Amino acid sequence: MNYNLILVDDHKMFLDGLWNIFKNEANCTVLQTAHNGAQVIKYIETNPNQAIDIVISDITMPTIDGITLNKYIKKERSEIKTLMVSMHTDAGMIDTLIKNNVDGYLSKNATQTELLEAVKTILKGEKYFSQSVQQAYMKGVLEKKTETTITLTKREKEVLRLIAEEYTTQEIADELFLSKHTIESYRKNLIAKLNVKNLAGLTKYAIKLGLVE
């Protein structure tokens, strides 16, 4: 059986490398090489009756990136398989792709053998995620789980907000009608509880919680 592929990457050297790999595969036909997602979408819309088995794409690209391209394909042509090949192993990025039904995610550090194995696996109807991608994703999930288990009291949130708004210890004490010593204790406890190093870390956490903008 012959499979039709589209290859997408904004780096010509990597794109040429992909093309050279698949041109030597007897059962693979490269329909298009593109430098961004917009070119692929145009091809799909211009050739609505063209059978496309898999799109192999980078993630970070100009105009339309791989995440947006994957979302488009899964909405408009869900029968087309998608494999992302990227240097990025950001857990949030991986999670977004998984939620949008990506079929595989491979690190650009992968060997040619693993790339072909990933494509073969996906074309059989299975998912394929390289080891480094799986590890990055699980690490992100565990970190997120740890974060969500941290609960702050109403008073701790008030102190955290005022710290983020650059109030001094004395100003926070005056605002909350507490002693300066009590506020210093709150600050030390928050640093330990949130596992941050300094006031800048507390500020970042306050922004994350939406306590300040």
Protein backbone atom coordinates (compact mmCIF):
# COMPACT_ATOMS: atom_id res chain seq x y z
CA MET A 1 0.00 0.00 0.00
CA ASN A 2 1.24 3.48 -0.86
CA TYR A 3 1.02 6.37 1.61
CA ASN A 4 0.80 10.08 0.78
CA LEU A 5 2.80 12.46 2.98
CA ILE A 6 3.14 16.19 3.48
CA LEU A 7 6.33 17.48 5.14
CA VAL A 8 6.42 20.84 6.92
CA ASP A 9 9.36 22.72 8.43
CA ASP A 10 10.59 26.31 8.15
CA HIS A 11 14.24 25.18 8.11
CA LYS A 12 15.16 24.15 4.58
CA MET A 13 18.02 21.88 5.61
CA PHE A 14 15.81 19.84 7.95
CA LEU A 15 13.00 19.75 5.40
CA ASP A 16 15.40 18.50 2.72
CA GLY A 17 16.60 15.85 5.16
CA LEU A 18 13.03 14.62 5.71
CA TRP A 19 12.40 14.56 1.98
CA ASN A 20 15.55 12.50 1.37
CA ILE A 21 14.46 9.97 3.99
CA PHE A 22 10.99 9.42 2.56
CA LYS A 23 11.90 9.54 -1.13
CA ASN A 24 13.84 6.32 -0.53
CA GLU A 25 10.83 4.60 1.09
CA ALA A 26 9.13 2.50 -1.60
CA ASN A 27 5.63 2.87 -0.17
CA CYS A 28 5.78 6.63 0.49
CA THR A 29 4.95 9.53 -1.81
CA VAL A 30 5.71 13.10 -0.73
CA LEU A 31 2.87 15.23 -2.06
CA GLN A 32 4.18 18.54 -0.78
CA THR A 33 7.01 20.12 1.19
CA ALA A 34 5.99 23.33 2.97
CA HIS A 35 7.64 25.97 5.15
CA ASN A 36 4.61 26.79 7.31
CA GLY A 37 1.12 25.64 8.18
CA ALA A 38 -0.54 28.18 5.88
CA GLN A 39 0.94 26.49 2.81
CA VAL A 40 -0.40 23.11 3.95
CA ILE A 41 -3.89 24.47 4.62
CA LYS A 42 -3.90 26.07 1.16
CA TYR A 43 -2.87 22.75 -0.40
CA ILE A 44 -5.59 20.83 1.47
CA GLU A 45 -8.28 23.34 0.54
CA THR A 46 -7.15 23.50 -3.08
CA ASN A 47 -7.08 19.70 -3.37
CA PRO A 48 -10.16 18.55 -1.41
CA ASN A 49 -10.25 15.13 -3.12
CA GLN A 50 -6.55 14.37 -2.67
CA ALA A 51 -5.94 11.48 -0.28
CA ILE A 52 -3.43 12.52 2.39
CA ASP A 53 -2.34 9.90 4.92
CA ILE A 54 -0.03 11.84 7.23
CA VAL A 55 1.34 15.35 7.78
CA ILE A 56 4.75 15.50 9.45
CA SER A 57 5.28 18.97 10.84
CA ASP A 58 7.52 21.17 12.94
CA ILE A 59 5.79 23.18 15.68
CA THR A 60 7.43 26.61 15.74
CA MET A 61 6.90 28.15 12.29
CA PRO A 62 5.93 31.55 10.91
CA THR A 63 2.39 32.47 9.77
CA ILE A 64 0.66 29.31 11.05
CA ASP A 65 2.46 27.04 13.53
CA GLY A 66 2.22 23.28 14.01
CA ILE A 67 -0.26 23.45 16.88
CA THR A 68 -2.70 25.53 14.83
CA LEU A 69 -2.14 23.33 11.78
CA ASN A 70 -2.88 20.17 13.77
CA LYS A 71 -6.07 21.71 15.16
CA TYR A 72 -7.20 22.66 11.64
CA ILE A 73 -6.49 19.19 10.23
CA LYS A 74 -8.31 17.40 13.04
CA LYS A 75 -11.33 19.65 12.58
CA GLU A 76 -11.51 19.76 8.77
CA ARG A 77 -9.85 16.48 7.68
CA SER A 78 -9.83 14.22 10.72
CA GLU A 79 -8.79 11.18 8.67
CA ILE A 80 -5.35 12.72 8.11
CA LYS A 81 -2.77 11.60 10.67
CA THR A 82 -0.42 14.17 12.23
CA LEU A 83 3.10 13.75 13.59
CA MET A 84 4.88 16.68 15.22
CA VAL A 85 8.68 16.69 15.06
CA SER A 86 10.22 19.40 17.22
CA MET A 87 13.11 20.42 19.45
CA HIS A 88 10.54 21.65 21.99
CA THR A 89 9.38 19.27 24.70
CA ASP A 90 7.32 21.76 26.68
CA ALA A 91 4.64 19.94 28.72
CA GLY A 92 2.02 22.60 28.03
CA MET A 93 2.63 22.37 24.29
CA ILE A 94 2.40 18.58 24.39
CA ASP A 95 -0.80 18.75 26.43
CA THR A 96 -2.40 21.15 23.93
CA LEU A 97 -1.56 18.84 21.04
CA ILE A 98 -2.86 15.76 22.86
CA LYS A 99 -6.14 17.56 23.60
CA ASN A 100 -6.39 18.29 19.87
CA ASN A 101 -5.90 14.61 18.95
CA VAL A 102 -2.36 14.73 17.58
CA ASP A 103 -1.24 11.23 16.53
CA GLY A 104 2.40 11.51 17.49
CA TYR A 105 5.16 13.73 18.80
CA LEU A 106 8.84 13.10 18.13
CA SER A 107 11.95 14.95 19.23
CA LYS A 108 14.19 16.26 16.44
CA ASN A 109 16.99 14.38 18.19
CA ALA A 110 15.33 11.12 17.16
CA THR A 111 17.10 8.76 14.76
CA GLN A 112 15.91 8.04 11.24
CA THR A 113 14.94 4.56 12.40
CA GLU A 114 12.69 5.97 15.14
CA LEU A 115 11.12 8.46 12.72
CA LEU A 116 10.17 5.67 10.32
CA GLU A 117 8.92 3.54 13.22
CA ALA A 118 6.77 6.45 14.43
CA VAL A 119 5.23 6.95 10.99
CA LYS A 120 4.61 3.20 10.61
CA THR A 121 2.95 3.04 14.05
CA ILE A 122 0.72 6.05 13.37
CA LEU A 123 -0.36 4.78 9.95
CA LYS A 124 -1.51 1.58 11.68
CA GLY A 125 -3.90 3.71 13.72
CA GLU A 126 -1.84 3.90 16.91
CA LYS A 127 -0.26 6.82 18.74
CA TYR A 128 3.50 7.40 18.97
CA PHE A 129 5.32 9.65 21.46
CA SER A 130 9.10 9.47 21.78
CA GLN A 131 10.60 8.68 25.18
CA SER A 132 11.87 12.22 25.80
CA VAL A 133 8.43 13.65 24.97
CA GLN A 134 6.72 11.19 27.35
CA GLN A 135 9.15 12.09 30.13
CA ALA A 136 8.67 15.84 29.62
CA TYR A 137 4.90 15.44 29.61
CA MET A 138 4.80 13.31 32.77
CA LYS A 139 7.16 15.73 34.54
CA GLY A 140 4.82 18.58 33.66
CA VAL A 141 1.76 16.65 34.84
CA LEU A 142 3.42 15.84 38.17
CA GLU A 143 4.54 19.45 38.68
CA LYS A 144 1.04 20.71 37.90
CA LYS A 145 -0.43 18.18 40.33
CA THR A 146 1.98 19.37 43.03
CA GLU A 147 1.01 22.97 42.40
CA THR A 148 -2.70 22.27 42.64
CA THR A 149 -2.28 20.57 46.02
CA ILE A 150 -0.93 23.80 47.55
CA THR A 151 -3.74 25.70 49.26
CA LEU A 152 -3.39 29.16 50.71
CA THR A 153 -5.52 30.69 53.43
CA LYS A 154 -7.39 33.94 52.80
CA ARG A 155 -4.82 35.81 54.93
CA GLU A 156 -1.88 34.25 53.07
CA LYS A 157 -3.42 35.34 49.77
CA GLU A 158 -3.84 38.88 51.10
CA VAL A 159 -0.20 39.03 52.19
CA LEU A 160 0.94 37.52 48.88
CA ARG A 161 -1.07 40.06 46.88
CA LEU A 162 0.36 43.00 48.81
CA ILE A 163 3.91 41.66 48.44
CA ALA A 164 3.33 41.41 44.68
CA GLU A 165 2.05 44.99 44.68
CA GLU A 166 5.40 46.06 46.20
CA TYR A 167 4.12 47.00 49.64
CA THR A 168 6.84 47.09 52.29
CA THR A 169 6.59 44.83 55.33
CA GLN A 170 5.49 47.79 57.47
CA GLU A 171 2.88 48.89 54.90
CA ILE A 172 1.43 45.36 54.76
CA ALA A 173 1.30 45.30 58.55
CA ASP A 174 -0.56 48.64 58.61
CA GLU A 175 -2.94 47.53 55.84
CA LEU A 176 -3.89 44.28 57.58
CA PHE A 177 -3.69 45.60 61.16
CA LEU A 178 -1.00 43.08 62.06
CA SER A 179 2.47 43.43 63.54
CA LYS A 180 5.54 43.75 61.38
CA HIS A 181 6.88 40.55 62.96
CA THR A 182 3.71 38.65 61.95
CA ILE A 183 4.04 39.81 58.34
CA GLU A 184 7.69 38.72 58.25
CA SER A 185 6.59 35.28 59.47
CA TYR A 186 3.93 35.11 56.74
CA ARG A 187 6.54 36.04 54.12
CA LYS A 188 9.00 33.36 55.27
CA ASN A 189 6.26 30.73 55.42
CA LEU A 190 5.01 31.63 51.93
CA ILE A 191 8.51 31.31 50.48
CA ALA A 192 8.84 27.86 52.03
CA LYS A 193 5.28 26.74 51.21
CA LEU A 194 5.42 27.80 47.55
CA ASN A 195 9.00 26.55 47.12
CA VAL A 196 10.31 29.84 45.73
CA LYS A 197 13.59 31.59 46.49
CA ASN A 198 12.67 35.23 46.99
CA LEU A 199 10.08 38.00 46.67
CA ALA A 200 10.28 37.83 42.88
CA GLY A 201 9.20 34.20 43.11
CA LEU A 202 6.28 35.16 45.33
CA THR A 203 5.24 37.84 42.83
CA LYS A 204 5.26 35.33 39.96
CA TYR A 205 3.09 32.97 41.99
CA ALA A 206 0.65 35.78 42.82
CA ILE A 207 0.32 36.55 39.11
CA LYS A 208 -0.23 32.85 38.39
CA LEU A 209 -3.05 32.77 40.94
CA GLY A 210 -4.58 35.88 39.41
CA LEU A 211 -4.15 37.94 42.59
CA VAL A 212 -2.47 40.69 40.60
CA GLU A 213 -2.18 41.52 36.92
